């Protein structure tokens, strides 16, 4: 199995809404990581030459990731994450492009707020991830991510020998639902006494403190 370590650098701000803060702020924050689900779809989209397209579904079909022939780990921040300013995001559909007086009047009777505060990750922030595959891949120089693919990320390949003992992150949800190797990952972490979970969302439960040899062992025979 081959491993290619990459640095992903944001060329413009990223908004993903992965963490929610309650209270009167109604704040929605972008988590300090790049999700493996999003990264794998973004990479496959470019490397397929745009042939692969994905339907919008009520329920995603993440099992298709196993057919890509590679796996990109969760990208962890390289140093401190730079945050954007806090913005007000209007959630009224009738505020985009036209004015519908009747709908505006009806929305005034709604018991729910029509705005929220959002904070993203600022341009210039970089992340580290590993791409695992059976053969060395010709990775693209850039990919797009974000709510509407509005964020451009530059990809740089790094010497994997410099990262043998470095920390990489995986997603327990992906291991369980796509590759069925979560038990192997948990057992390995228990043996090494370095269990470290970070629950973010239902489909993002991060496993940290994994080395490159750990990744190779967990994904052996899965790609």
N, C-alpha and C. Protein backbone atom coordinates (compact mmCIF):
# COMPACT_ATOMS: atom_id res chain seq x y z
N UNK A 1 0.84 -1.20 0.00
CA UNK A 1 0.00 0.00 0.00
C UNK A 1 0.88 1.24 0.00
N UNK A 2 0.45 2.25 -0.75
CA UNK A 2 1.18 3.51 -0.84
C UNK A 2 0.51 4.57 0.03
N UNK A 3 1.32 5.47 0.55
CA UNK A 3 0.80 6.60 1.34
C UNK A 3 1.44 7.87 0.83
N UNK A 4 0.62 8.85 0.51
CA UNK A 4 1.10 10.15 0.06
C UNK A 4 0.61 11.21 1.05
N UNK A 5 1.54 11.89 1.68
CA UNK A 5 1.20 12.93 2.65
C UNK A 5 1.03 14.24 1.90
N UNK A 6 -0.05 14.95 2.19
CA UNK A 6 -0.32 16.20 1.49
C UNK A 6 -0.62 17.32 2.47
N UNK A 7 -0.30 18.53 2.03
CA UNK A 7 -0.70 19.74 2.75
C UNK A 7 -1.78 20.42 1.92
N UNK A 8 -2.88 20.76 2.56
CA UNK A 8 -3.97 21.47 1.90
C UNK A 8 -4.06 22.87 2.48
N UNK A 9 -3.94 23.87 1.63
CA UNK A 9 -3.96 25.26 2.08
C UNK A 9 -5.17 25.98 1.50
N UNK A 10 -5.94 26.62 2.37
CA UNK A 10 -7.12 27.36 1.92
C UNK A 10 -6.69 28.61 1.17
N UNK A 11 -7.19 28.78 -0.05
CA UNK A 11 -6.92 29.99 -0.83
C UNK A 11 -8.02 31.02 -0.65
N UNK A 12 -9.12 30.63 -0.08
CA UNK A 12 -10.15 31.57 0.37
C UNK A 12 -10.89 30.95 1.55
N UNK A 13 -11.75 31.71 2.18
CA UNK A 13 -12.38 31.26 3.42
C UNK A 13 -13.23 30.00 3.20
N UNK A 14 -13.34 29.19 4.26
CA UNK A 14 -14.13 27.96 4.22
C UNK A 14 -15.22 28.02 5.28
N UNK A 15 -16.46 27.76 4.85
CA UNK A 15 -17.60 27.69 5.77
C UNK A 15 -18.25 26.32 5.61
N UNK A 16 -18.38 25.58 6.73
CA UNK A 16 -18.90 24.22 6.65
C UNK A 16 -20.02 23.91 7.64
N UNK A 17 -20.16 24.71 8.70
CA UNK A 17 -21.23 24.52 9.68
C UNK A 17 -21.14 23.14 10.36
N UNK A 18 -20.00 22.84 10.94
CA UNK A 18 -19.84 21.54 11.58
C UNK A 18 -19.98 21.58 13.09
N UNK A 19 -19.99 22.75 13.68
CA UNK A 19 -20.15 22.85 15.13
C UNK A 19 -21.18 23.94 15.43
N UNK A 20 -22.06 23.66 16.37
CA UNK A 20 -23.12 24.60 16.70
C UNK A 20 -22.97 25.05 18.14
N UNK A 21 -23.05 26.36 18.35
CA UNK A 21 -23.01 26.93 19.70
C UNK A 21 -24.39 27.51 19.99
N UNK A 22 -24.96 27.16 21.13
CA UNK A 22 -26.30 27.62 21.46
C UNK A 22 -26.30 29.03 22.03
N UNK A 23 -27.37 29.35 22.75
CA UNK A 23 -27.49 30.68 23.34
C UNK A 23 -27.99 31.70 22.35
N UNK A 24 -27.94 32.97 22.75
CA UNK A 24 -28.49 34.01 21.89
C UNK A 24 -27.64 34.28 20.67
N UNK A 25 -26.41 33.72 20.62
CA UNK A 25 -25.56 33.94 19.45
C UNK A 25 -26.06 33.16 18.24
N UNK A 26 -26.72 32.03 18.48
CA UNK A 26 -27.13 31.13 17.39
C UNK A 26 -25.96 30.92 16.43
N UNK A 27 -24.80 30.68 16.98
CA UNK A 27 -23.59 30.62 16.17
C UNK A 27 -23.38 29.24 15.56
N UNK A 28 -22.96 29.24 14.32
CA UNK A 28 -22.62 28.01 13.63
C UNK A 28 -21.17 28.12 13.18
N UNK A 29 -20.32 27.24 13.69
CA UNK A 29 -18.89 27.34 13.45
C UNK A 29 -18.40 26.24 12.52
N UNK A 30 -17.33 26.54 11.81
CA UNK A 30 -16.67 25.55 10.98
C UNK A 30 -15.63 24.83 11.83
N UNK A 31 -15.74 23.51 11.93
CA UNK A 31 -14.82 22.73 12.74
C UNK A 31 -13.38 22.87 12.27
N UNK A 32 -12.44 22.69 13.18
CA UNK A 32 -11.02 22.87 12.89
C UNK A 32 -10.42 21.62 12.26
N UNK A 33 -11.02 21.17 11.18
CA UNK A 33 -10.52 20.02 10.43
C UNK A 33 -11.20 20.01 9.07
N UNK A 34 -10.66 19.23 8.14
CA UNK A 34 -11.31 19.01 6.85
C UNK A 34 -11.79 17.56 6.84
N UNK A 35 -13.06 17.34 6.68
CA UNK A 35 -13.63 16.00 6.79
C UNK A 35 -13.19 15.07 5.68
N UNK A 36 -13.00 13.81 6.03
CA UNK A 36 -12.56 12.82 5.04
C UNK A 36 -13.64 12.56 3.99
N UNK A 37 -14.91 12.60 4.38
CA UNK A 37 -15.97 12.38 3.41
C UNK A 37 -15.92 13.44 2.31
N UNK A 38 -15.82 14.70 2.72
CA UNK A 38 -15.76 15.80 1.76
C UNK A 38 -14.49 15.73 0.91
N UNK A 39 -13.37 15.42 1.54
CA UNK A 39 -12.09 15.37 0.82
C UNK A 39 -12.08 14.27 -0.24
N UNK A 40 -12.61 13.11 0.09
CA UNK A 40 -12.61 12.01 -0.87
C UNK A 40 -13.50 12.31 -2.07
N UNK A 41 -14.66 12.90 -1.84
CA UNK A 41 -15.51 13.29 -2.96
C UNK A 41 -14.83 14.37 -3.80
N UNK A 42 -14.19 15.34 -3.15
CA UNK A 42 -13.53 16.42 -3.88
C UNK A 42 -12.38 15.91 -4.74
N UNK A 43 -11.57 15.01 -4.18
CA UNK A 43 -10.45 14.44 -4.94
C UNK A 43 -10.94 13.59 -6.11
N UNK A 44 -11.93 12.76 -5.86
CA UNK A 44 -12.44 11.89 -6.93
C UNK A 44 -13.05 12.71 -8.05
N UNK A 45 -13.70 13.79 -7.70
CA UNK A 45 -14.33 14.66 -8.71
C UNK A 45 -13.29 15.19 -9.68
N UNK A 46 -12.13 15.60 -9.17
CA UNK A 46 -11.08 16.15 -10.02
C UNK A 46 -10.35 15.04 -10.77
N UNK A 47 -9.99 13.97 -10.07
CA UNK A 47 -9.18 12.91 -10.69
C UNK A 47 -9.96 12.11 -11.73
N UNK A 48 -11.28 12.16 -11.67
CA UNK A 48 -12.08 11.47 -12.68
C UNK A 48 -12.30 12.35 -13.91
N UNK A 49 -11.74 13.56 -13.88
CA UNK A 49 -11.92 14.46 -15.01
C UNK A 49 -13.31 15.04 -15.08
N UNK A 50 -14.02 15.03 -13.96
CA UNK A 50 -15.37 15.58 -13.94
C UNK A 50 -16.42 14.60 -14.40
N UNK A 51 -15.99 13.35 -14.69
CA UNK A 51 -16.95 12.34 -15.15
C UNK A 51 -17.90 11.95 -14.03
N UNK A 52 -17.34 11.79 -12.83
CA UNK A 52 -18.17 11.39 -11.69
C UNK A 52 -19.01 12.56 -11.21
N UNK A 53 -20.30 12.37 -11.17
CA UNK A 53 -21.20 13.37 -10.59
C UNK A 53 -22.02 12.67 -9.52
N UNK A 54 -22.50 13.44 -8.57
CA UNK A 54 -23.20 12.86 -7.44
C UNK A 54 -24.56 13.52 -7.29
N UNK A 55 -25.55 12.71 -7.06
CA UNK A 55 -26.90 13.20 -6.92
C UNK A 55 -27.12 13.76 -5.52
N UNK A 56 -28.01 14.73 -5.44
CA UNK A 56 -28.45 15.21 -4.13
C UNK A 56 -29.53 14.24 -3.63
N UNK A 57 -29.30 13.68 -2.45
CA UNK A 57 -30.21 12.68 -1.91
C UNK A 57 -30.67 13.09 -0.52
N UNK A 58 -31.81 12.54 -0.13
CA UNK A 58 -32.25 12.74 1.25
C UNK A 58 -31.32 12.02 2.21
N UNK A 59 -30.73 10.91 1.73
CA UNK A 59 -29.79 10.15 2.53
C UNK A 59 -28.56 9.83 1.68
N UNK A 60 -27.37 10.19 2.12
CA UNK A 60 -26.16 9.95 1.31
C UNK A 60 -25.83 8.47 1.21
N UNK A 61 -25.12 8.12 0.15
CA UNK A 61 -24.67 6.75 -0.07
C UNK A 61 -23.15 6.71 0.06
N UNK A 62 -22.66 6.80 1.28
CA UNK A 62 -21.22 6.87 1.50
C UNK A 62 -20.50 5.56 1.15
N UNK A 63 -21.23 4.46 1.00
CA UNK A 63 -20.59 3.19 0.66
C UNK A 63 -19.86 3.27 -0.67
N UNK A 64 -20.26 4.20 -1.53
CA UNK A 64 -19.61 4.33 -2.83
C UNK A 64 -18.15 4.79 -2.71
N UNK A 65 -17.77 5.34 -1.56
CA UNK A 65 -16.38 5.76 -1.37
C UNK A 65 -15.43 4.57 -1.49
N UNK A 66 -15.89 3.39 -1.14
CA UNK A 66 -15.04 2.20 -1.20
C UNK A 66 -14.66 1.84 -2.63
N UNK A 67 -15.38 2.38 -3.62
CA UNK A 67 -15.09 2.09 -5.02
C UNK A 67 -14.08 3.06 -5.63
N UNK A 68 -13.67 4.08 -4.88
CA UNK A 68 -12.77 5.09 -5.44
C UNK A 68 -11.35 4.57 -5.66
N UNK A 69 -10.94 3.58 -4.89
CA UNK A 69 -9.58 3.05 -5.02
C UNK A 69 -8.55 3.78 -4.20
N UNK A 70 -8.98 4.71 -3.37
CA UNK A 70 -8.07 5.43 -2.48
C UNK A 70 -8.87 5.92 -1.28
N UNK A 71 -8.15 6.34 -0.26
CA UNK A 71 -8.80 6.94 0.91
C UNK A 71 -7.94 8.08 1.42
N UNK A 72 -8.56 9.23 1.59
CA UNK A 72 -7.89 10.40 2.17
C UNK A 72 -8.36 10.55 3.61
N UNK A 73 -7.43 10.63 4.53
CA UNK A 73 -7.77 10.76 5.94
C UNK A 73 -8.40 12.11 6.23
N UNK A 74 -8.92 12.26 7.42
CA UNK A 74 -9.32 13.58 7.91
C UNK A 74 -8.08 14.47 7.92
N UNK A 75 -8.21 15.70 7.46
CA UNK A 75 -7.06 16.61 7.43
C UNK A 75 -7.03 17.41 8.74
N UNK A 76 -5.94 17.27 9.46
CA UNK A 76 -5.80 17.97 10.74
C UNK A 76 -5.12 19.32 10.51
N UNK A 77 -5.40 20.31 11.33
CA UNK A 77 -4.78 21.63 11.14
C UNK A 77 -3.29 21.60 11.40
N UNK A 78 -2.58 22.37 10.60
CA UNK A 78 -1.13 22.51 10.79
C UNK A 78 -0.90 23.77 11.62
N UNK A 79 -0.79 23.61 12.92
CA UNK A 79 -0.71 24.77 13.80
C UNK A 79 -2.10 25.27 14.15
N UNK A 80 -2.18 26.50 14.58
CA UNK A 80 -3.45 27.09 14.99
C UNK A 80 -4.31 27.42 13.78
N UNK A 81 -5.60 27.15 13.90
CA UNK A 81 -6.54 27.49 12.84
C UNK A 81 -6.84 28.98 12.88
N UNK A 82 -6.79 29.62 11.73
CA UNK A 82 -7.14 31.04 11.63
C UNK A 82 -8.64 31.15 11.38
N UNK A 83 -9.31 31.95 12.18
CA UNK A 83 -10.76 32.11 12.06
C UNK A 83 -11.10 33.39 11.30
N UNK A 84 -12.24 33.33 10.62
CA UNK A 84 -12.75 34.53 9.98
C UNK A 84 -13.45 35.39 11.03
N UNK A 85 -13.89 36.55 10.61
CA UNK A 85 -14.77 37.34 11.46
C UNK A 85 -16.11 36.61 11.57
N UNK A 86 -16.94 37.05 12.49
CA UNK A 86 -18.27 36.47 12.64
C UNK A 86 -19.25 37.25 11.77
N UNK A 87 -19.98 36.52 10.94
CA UNK A 87 -20.91 37.14 10.01
C UNK A 87 -22.35 36.78 10.38
N UNK A 88 -23.27 37.63 9.98
CA UNK A 88 -24.69 37.32 10.11
C UNK A 88 -25.15 36.68 8.82
N UNK A 89 -25.74 35.50 8.94
CA UNK A 89 -26.23 34.76 7.78
C UNK A 89 -27.76 34.73 7.84
N UNK A 90 -28.40 35.34 6.84
CA UNK A 90 -29.86 35.37 6.79
C UNK A 90 -30.38 34.06 6.23
N UNK A 91 -31.37 33.49 6.86
CA UNK A 91 -31.90 32.20 6.44
C UNK A 91 -33.26 32.30 5.75
N UNK A 92 -33.73 33.51 5.47
CA UNK A 92 -35.00 33.67 4.77
C UNK A 92 -34.79 33.46 3.27
N UNK A 93 -35.49 32.50 2.69
CA UNK A 93 -35.30 32.22 1.27
C UNK A 93 -35.70 33.40 0.39
N UNK A 94 -36.61 34.24 0.88
CA UNK A 94 -37.09 35.34 0.04
C UNK A 94 -36.16 36.55 0.06
N UNK A 95 -34.98 36.41 0.69
CA UNK A 95 -34.03 37.52 0.70
C UNK A 95 -33.01 37.40 -0.42
N UNK A 96 -33.04 36.29 -1.14
CA UNK A 96 -32.06 36.08 -2.20
C UNK A 96 -32.67 36.34 -3.56
N UNK A 97 -32.40 37.51 -4.11
CA UNK A 97 -32.74 37.77 -5.50
C UNK A 97 -34.08 38.44 -5.74
N UNK A 98 -34.98 38.42 -4.79
CA UNK A 98 -36.27 39.05 -5.05
C UNK A 98 -36.95 39.36 -3.72
N UNK A 99 -37.99 40.13 -3.81
CA UNK A 99 -38.77 40.48 -2.61
C UNK A 99 -40.19 39.95 -2.79
N UNK A 100 -40.62 39.15 -1.85
CA UNK A 100 -41.97 38.61 -1.86
C UNK A 100 -42.66 39.13 -0.60
N UNK A 101 -43.46 40.16 -0.76
CA UNK A 101 -44.05 40.84 0.38
C UNK A 101 -44.90 39.89 1.22
N UNK A 102 -45.68 39.04 0.57
CA UNK A 102 -46.55 38.13 1.31
C UNK A 102 -45.73 37.19 2.19
N UNK A 103 -44.65 36.66 1.65
CA UNK A 103 -43.82 35.75 2.43
C UNK A 103 -43.09 36.47 3.55
N UNK A 104 -42.69 37.70 3.31
CA UNK A 104 -42.04 38.48 4.36
C UNK A 104 -43.00 38.70 5.53
N UNK A 105 -44.26 39.02 5.21
CA UNK A 105 -45.26 39.22 6.26
C UNK A 105 -45.51 37.92 7.03
N UNK A 106 -45.57 36.80 6.31
CA UNK A 106 -45.79 35.52 6.98
C UNK A 106 -44.61 35.14 7.86
N UNK A 107 -43.40 35.45 7.41
CA UNK A 107 -42.22 35.08 8.19
C UNK A 107 -42.15 35.85 9.50
N UNK A 108 -42.79 37.01 9.55
CA UNK A 108 -42.81 37.78 10.78
C UNK A 108 -43.58 37.10 11.89
N UNK A 109 -44.43 36.15 11.54
CA UNK A 109 -45.20 35.41 12.53
C UNK A 109 -44.50 34.13 12.97
N UNK A 110 -43.36 33.86 12.38
CA UNK A 110 -42.65 32.62 12.72
C UNK A 110 -42.00 32.73 14.09
N UNK A 111 -42.05 31.66 14.89
CA UNK A 111 -41.41 31.69 16.22
C UNK A 111 -39.90 31.45 16.14
N UNK A 112 -39.38 31.23 14.92
CA UNK A 112 -37.97 30.90 14.77
C UNK A 112 -37.18 32.10 14.26
N UNK A 113 -35.93 32.14 14.61
CA UNK A 113 -35.06 33.22 14.14
C UNK A 113 -34.83 33.08 12.64
N UNK A 114 -34.64 34.21 11.97
CA UNK A 114 -34.37 34.16 10.54
C UNK A 114 -32.92 34.53 10.23
N UNK A 115 -32.07 34.42 11.21
CA UNK A 115 -30.65 34.67 10.96
C UNK A 115 -29.83 33.86 11.95
N UNK A 116 -28.56 33.74 11.66
CA UNK A 116 -27.63 33.10 12.58
C UNK A 116 -26.25 33.71 12.35
N UNK A 117 -25.40 33.58 13.33
CA UNK A 117 -24.03 34.04 13.20
C UNK A 117 -23.16 32.87 12.76
N UNK A 118 -22.30 33.12 11.79
CA UNK A 118 -21.43 32.05 11.28
C UNK A 118 -19.98 32.51 11.34
N UNK A 119 -19.10 31.55 11.55
CA UNK A 119 -17.67 31.83 11.55
C UNK A 119 -16.95 30.68 10.85
N UNK A 120 -16.13 31.03 9.87
CA UNK A 120 -15.43 30.02 9.09
C UNK A 120 -13.95 29.97 9.42
N UNK A 121 -13.22 29.22 8.60
CA UNK A 121 -11.77 29.14 8.69
C UNK A 121 -11.19 30.04 7.62
N UNK A 122 -10.23 30.87 8.01
CA UNK A 122 -9.72 31.91 7.13
C UNK A 122 -8.74 31.37 6.09
N UNK A 123 -8.67 32.08 4.97
CA UNK A 123 -7.70 31.76 3.93
C UNK A 123 -6.29 31.77 4.50
N UNK A 124 -5.46 30.87 4.00
CA UNK A 124 -4.08 30.76 4.48
C UNK A 124 -3.88 29.65 5.49
N UNK A 125 -4.96 29.15 6.09
CA UNK A 125 -4.84 28.04 7.04
C UNK A 125 -4.48 26.77 6.27
N UNK A 126 -3.59 25.97 6.83
CA UNK A 126 -3.17 24.74 6.15
C UNK A 126 -3.46 23.52 7.02
N UNK A 127 -3.63 22.38 6.36
CA UNK A 127 -3.97 21.12 7.00
C UNK A 127 -3.10 20.01 6.42
N UNK A 128 -2.92 18.94 7.20
CA UNK A 128 -2.13 17.79 6.78
C UNK A 128 -3.02 16.55 6.73
N UNK A 129 -2.90 15.77 5.67
CA UNK A 129 -3.65 14.53 5.53
C UNK A 129 -2.79 13.50 4.80
N UNK A 130 -3.24 12.26 4.80
CA UNK A 130 -2.56 11.20 4.07
C UNK A 130 -3.54 10.55 3.11
N UNK A 131 -3.08 10.30 1.89
CA UNK A 131 -3.89 9.61 0.88
C UNK A 131 -3.34 8.19 0.73
N UNK A 132 -4.17 7.20 1.02
CA UNK A 132 -3.76 5.80 0.95
C UNK A 132 -4.32 5.16 -0.31
N UNK A 133 -3.51 4.35 -0.98
CA UNK A 133 -3.94 3.68 -2.21
C UNK A 133 -3.00 2.52 -2.49
N UNK A 134 -3.36 1.70 -3.47
CA UNK A 134 -2.52 0.56 -3.83
C UNK A 134 -1.37 0.95 -4.75
N UNK A 135 -1.49 2.11 -5.38
CA UNK A 135 -0.41 2.61 -6.22
C UNK A 135 -0.35 4.12 -6.10
N UNK A 136 0.82 4.67 -6.38
CA UNK A 136 1.01 6.12 -6.25
C UNK A 136 0.07 6.85 -7.21
N UNK A 137 -0.63 7.84 -6.69
CA UNK A 137 -1.62 8.58 -7.48
C UNK A 137 -1.04 9.89 -8.00
N UNK A 138 -1.55 10.32 -9.12
CA UNK A 138 -1.22 11.64 -9.66
C UNK A 138 -2.24 12.62 -9.09
N UNK A 139 -1.92 13.17 -7.93
CA UNK A 139 -2.87 14.03 -7.23
C UNK A 139 -3.00 15.39 -7.91
N UNK A 140 -4.18 15.98 -7.88
CA UNK A 140 -4.38 17.29 -8.52
C UNK A 140 -3.72 18.41 -7.73
N UNK A 141 -3.44 19.54 -8.38
CA UNK A 141 -2.83 20.67 -7.68
C UNK A 141 -3.82 21.41 -6.79
N UNK A 142 -5.11 21.21 -7.01
CA UNK A 142 -6.12 21.94 -6.22
C UNK A 142 -7.44 21.20 -6.27
N UNK A 143 -8.27 21.42 -5.26
CA UNK A 143 -9.63 20.90 -5.23
C UNK A 143 -10.56 21.99 -4.70
N UNK A 144 -11.86 21.74 -4.83
CA UNK A 144 -12.85 22.67 -4.30
C UNK A 144 -13.68 22.00 -3.21
N UNK A 145 -13.96 22.77 -2.16
CA UNK A 145 -14.79 22.29 -1.07
C UNK A 145 -15.72 23.41 -0.64
N UNK A 146 -16.50 23.15 0.40
CA UNK A 146 -17.39 24.19 0.92
C UNK A 146 -18.84 23.91 0.61
N UNK A 147 -19.71 24.73 1.14
CA UNK A 147 -21.15 24.53 0.98
C UNK A 147 -21.56 24.49 -0.48
N UNK A 148 -20.95 25.34 -1.30
CA UNK A 148 -21.28 25.40 -2.73
C UNK A 148 -20.02 25.29 -3.58
N UNK A 149 -19.03 24.55 -3.08
CA UNK A 149 -17.74 24.38 -3.77
C UNK A 149 -17.06 25.72 -4.01
N UNK A 150 -17.30 26.68 -3.10
CA UNK A 150 -16.76 28.02 -3.30
C UNK A 150 -15.34 28.18 -2.80
N UNK A 151 -14.81 27.18 -2.09
CA UNK A 151 -13.48 27.30 -1.48
C UNK A 151 -12.46 26.49 -2.27
N UNK A 152 -11.38 27.14 -2.67
CA UNK A 152 -10.30 26.50 -3.42
C UNK A 152 -9.17 26.15 -2.46
N UNK A 153 -8.68 24.92 -2.55
CA UNK A 153 -7.59 24.46 -1.69
C UNK A 153 -6.41 24.02 -2.56
N UNK A 154 -5.23 24.53 -2.24
CA UNK A 154 -4.02 24.12 -2.94
C UNK A 154 -3.47 22.85 -2.29
N UNK A 155 -3.02 21.90 -3.12
CA UNK A 155 -2.48 20.64 -2.62
C UNK A 155 -0.98 20.58 -2.90
N UNK A 156 -0.20 20.29 -1.85
CA UNK A 156 1.24 20.09 -1.99
C UNK A 156 1.57 18.71 -1.44
N UNK A 157 2.35 17.95 -2.20
CA UNK A 157 2.77 16.64 -1.70
C UNK A 157 4.05 16.79 -0.89
N UNK A 158 4.09 16.13 0.27
CA UNK A 158 5.21 16.23 1.20
C UNK A 158 5.93 14.89 1.29
N UNK A 159 7.21 14.88 1.67
CA UNK A 159 7.94 13.61 1.82
C UNK A 159 7.31 12.76 2.93
N UNK A 160 6.78 11.59 2.58
CA UNK A 160 6.10 10.77 3.58
C UNK A 160 7.05 10.27 4.66
N UNK A 161 8.35 10.17 4.35
CA UNK A 161 9.31 9.69 5.35
C UNK A 161 9.42 10.66 6.53
N UNK A 162 9.08 11.92 6.30
CA UNK A 162 9.13 12.91 7.38
C UNK A 162 7.94 12.81 8.32
N UNK A 163 6.97 11.96 7.98
CA UNK A 163 5.73 11.90 8.76
C UNK A 163 5.45 10.51 9.32
N UNK A 164 6.48 9.65 9.35
CA UNK A 164 6.29 8.28 9.82
C UNK A 164 5.70 8.23 11.23
N UNK A 165 6.20 9.08 12.11
CA UNK A 165 5.76 9.07 13.51
C UNK A 165 4.85 10.25 13.85
N UNK A 166 4.32 10.91 12.83
CA UNK A 166 3.45 12.04 13.07
C UNK A 166 2.02 11.57 13.32
N UNK A 167 1.22 12.47 13.83
CA UNK A 167 -0.17 12.19 14.20
C UNK A 167 -1.09 12.39 13.00
N UNK A 168 -1.90 11.36 12.68
CA UNK A 168 -2.92 11.48 11.65
C UNK A 168 -4.29 11.19 12.27
N UNK A 169 -5.34 11.70 11.60
CA UNK A 169 -6.69 11.55 12.12
C UNK A 169 -7.54 10.70 11.17
N UNK A 170 -8.38 9.86 11.74
CA UNK A 170 -9.35 9.09 10.98
C UNK A 170 -10.75 9.42 11.46
N UNK A 171 -11.74 8.91 10.74
CA UNK A 171 -13.14 9.15 11.07
C UNK A 171 -13.80 7.80 11.38
N UNK A 172 -14.22 7.62 12.62
CA UNK A 172 -14.82 6.35 13.03
C UNK A 172 -16.06 6.02 12.21
N UNK A 173 -16.81 7.04 11.82
CA UNK A 173 -18.02 6.82 11.02
C UNK A 173 -17.67 6.18 9.68
N UNK A 174 -16.64 6.69 9.02
CA UNK A 174 -16.23 6.15 7.72
C UNK A 174 -15.71 4.72 7.86
N UNK A 175 -14.90 4.50 8.89
CA UNK A 175 -14.37 3.15 9.10
C UNK A 175 -15.50 2.15 9.31
N UNK A 176 -16.53 2.55 10.05
CA UNK A 176 -17.62 1.64 10.38
C UNK A 176 -18.56 1.41 9.21
N UNK A 177 -18.89 2.45 8.46
CA UNK A 177 -19.94 2.34 7.43
C UNK A 177 -19.41 2.06 6.04
N UNK A 178 -18.16 2.40 5.77
CA UNK A 178 -17.61 2.22 4.42
C UNK A 178 -16.64 1.05 4.35
N UNK A 179 -15.68 1.01 5.26
CA UNK A 179 -14.60 0.02 5.17
C UNK A 179 -14.71 -1.12 6.18
N UNK A 180 -15.63 -1.04 7.11
CA UNK A 180 -15.83 -2.07 8.13
C UNK A 180 -14.54 -2.44 8.87
N UNK A 181 -13.70 -1.45 9.13
CA UNK A 181 -12.45 -1.71 9.86
C UNK A 181 -12.34 -0.92 11.16
N UNK A 182 -13.48 -0.45 11.68
CA UNK A 182 -13.45 0.27 12.95
C UNK A 182 -12.99 -0.62 14.10
N UNK A 183 -13.46 -1.88 14.21
CA UNK A 183 -12.96 -2.72 15.31
C UNK A 183 -11.45 -2.87 15.31
N UNK A 184 -10.85 -2.99 14.12
CA UNK A 184 -9.39 -3.11 14.04
C UNK A 184 -8.72 -1.85 14.55
N UNK A 185 -9.29 -0.69 14.22
CA UNK A 185 -8.71 0.58 14.67
C UNK A 185 -8.82 0.72 16.18
N UNK A 186 -9.98 0.38 16.73
CA UNK A 186 -10.18 0.49 18.17
C UNK A 186 -9.25 -0.45 18.93
N UNK A 187 -9.13 -1.68 18.45
CA UNK A 187 -8.26 -2.65 19.11
C UNK A 187 -6.81 -2.18 19.08
N UNK A 188 -6.37 -1.63 17.96
CA UNK A 188 -5.01 -1.12 17.85
C UNK A 188 -4.76 0.02 18.83
N UNK A 189 -5.72 0.94 18.94
CA UNK A 189 -5.57 2.07 19.84
C UNK A 189 -5.58 1.62 21.30
N UNK A 190 -6.38 0.62 21.61
CA UNK A 190 -6.41 0.09 22.98
C UNK A 190 -5.08 -0.57 23.33
N UNK A 191 -4.53 -1.33 22.39
CA UNK A 191 -3.25 -2.00 22.63
C UNK A 191 -2.14 -0.98 22.89
N UNK A 192 -2.20 0.13 22.18
CA UNK A 192 -1.16 1.15 22.31
C UNK A 192 -1.49 2.19 23.38
N UNK A 193 -2.63 2.02 24.03
CA UNK A 193 -3.07 2.90 25.11
C UNK A 193 -3.06 4.38 24.69
N UNK A 194 -3.65 4.62 23.54
CA UNK A 194 -3.72 6.00 23.06
C UNK A 194 -5.10 6.27 22.44
N UNK A 195 -6.13 5.78 23.11
CA UNK A 195 -7.48 6.02 22.64
C UNK A 195 -7.82 7.50 22.75
N UNK A 196 -8.22 8.10 21.65
CA UNK A 196 -8.52 9.52 21.64
C UNK A 196 -9.65 9.76 20.65
N UNK A 197 -10.86 9.99 21.15
CA UNK A 197 -12.03 10.23 20.32
C UNK A 197 -12.45 11.70 20.44
N UNK A 198 -12.98 12.24 19.36
CA UNK A 198 -13.55 13.59 19.40
C UNK A 198 -14.85 13.56 18.59
N UNK A 199 -15.98 13.52 19.30
CA UNK A 199 -17.27 13.49 18.62
C UNK A 199 -17.64 14.90 18.16
N UNK A 200 -17.91 15.06 16.87
CA UNK A 200 -18.28 16.36 16.32
C UNK A 200 -19.72 16.33 15.81
N UNK A 201 -19.98 15.41 14.90
CA UNK A 201 -21.31 15.21 14.34
C UNK A 201 -21.57 13.71 14.25
N UNK A 202 -22.78 13.34 13.86
CA UNK A 202 -23.08 11.91 13.72
C UNK A 202 -22.13 11.24 12.74
N UNK A 203 -21.78 11.95 11.66
CA UNK A 203 -20.90 11.34 10.66
C UNK A 203 -19.46 11.84 10.75
N UNK A 204 -19.10 12.44 11.88
CA UNK A 204 -17.69 12.81 12.11
C UNK A 204 -17.34 12.57 13.57
N UNK A 205 -16.79 11.38 13.83
CA UNK A 205 -16.28 11.02 15.15
C UNK A 205 -14.80 10.75 14.96
N UNK A 206 -13.97 11.70 15.34
CA UNK A 206 -12.56 11.68 14.99
C UNK A 206 -11.73 10.78 15.89
N UNK A 207 -10.84 10.02 15.26
CA UNK A 207 -9.86 9.20 15.96
C UNK A 207 -8.49 9.85 15.74
N UNK A 208 -7.81 10.18 16.83
CA UNK A 208 -6.55 10.91 16.72
C UNK A 208 -5.38 10.06 17.22
N UNK A 209 -4.19 10.62 17.12
CA UNK A 209 -2.95 9.99 17.61
C UNK A 209 -2.61 8.70 16.87
N UNK A 210 -2.89 8.66 15.57
CA UNK A 210 -2.56 7.49 14.76
C UNK A 210 -1.35 7.80 13.89
N UNK A 211 -0.38 6.90 13.85
CA UNK A 211 0.82 7.09 13.04
C UNK A 211 0.62 6.49 11.65
N UNK A 212 1.57 6.74 10.77
CA UNK A 212 1.48 6.17 9.43
C UNK A 212 1.45 4.64 9.45
N UNK A 213 2.31 3.97 10.24
CA UNK A 213 2.19 2.51 10.32
C UNK A 213 0.83 2.05 10.83
N UNK A 214 0.22 2.83 11.73
CA UNK A 214 -1.12 2.50 12.21
C UNK A 214 -2.13 2.53 11.06
N UNK A 215 -2.03 3.58 10.23
CA UNK A 215 -2.95 3.70 9.09
C UNK A 215 -2.81 2.51 8.16
N UNK A 216 -1.56 2.13 7.88
CA UNK A 216 -1.30 1.01 6.98
C UNK A 216 -1.92 -0.28 7.53
N UNK A 217 -1.81 -0.47 8.83
CA UNK A 217 -2.35 -1.69 9.45
C UNK A 217 -3.87 -1.69 9.42
N UNK A 218 -4.47 -0.56 9.72
CA UNK A 218 -5.94 -0.46 9.76
C UNK A 218 -6.56 -0.69 8.38
N UNK A 219 -5.89 -0.18 7.32
CA UNK A 219 -6.45 -0.27 5.97
C UNK A 219 -5.89 -1.42 5.15
N UNK A 220 -5.15 -2.30 5.77
CA UNK A 220 -4.60 -3.44 5.05
C UNK A 220 -5.74 -4.28 4.43
N UNK A 221 -5.67 -4.47 3.11
CA UNK A 221 -6.67 -5.26 2.41
C UNK A 221 -8.00 -4.57 2.18
N UNK A 222 -8.10 -3.27 2.47
CA UNK A 222 -9.37 -2.55 2.35
C UNK A 222 -9.45 -1.68 1.10
N UNK A 223 -8.33 -1.46 0.40
CA UNK A 223 -8.34 -0.57 -0.77
C UNK A 223 -8.02 -1.35 -2.05
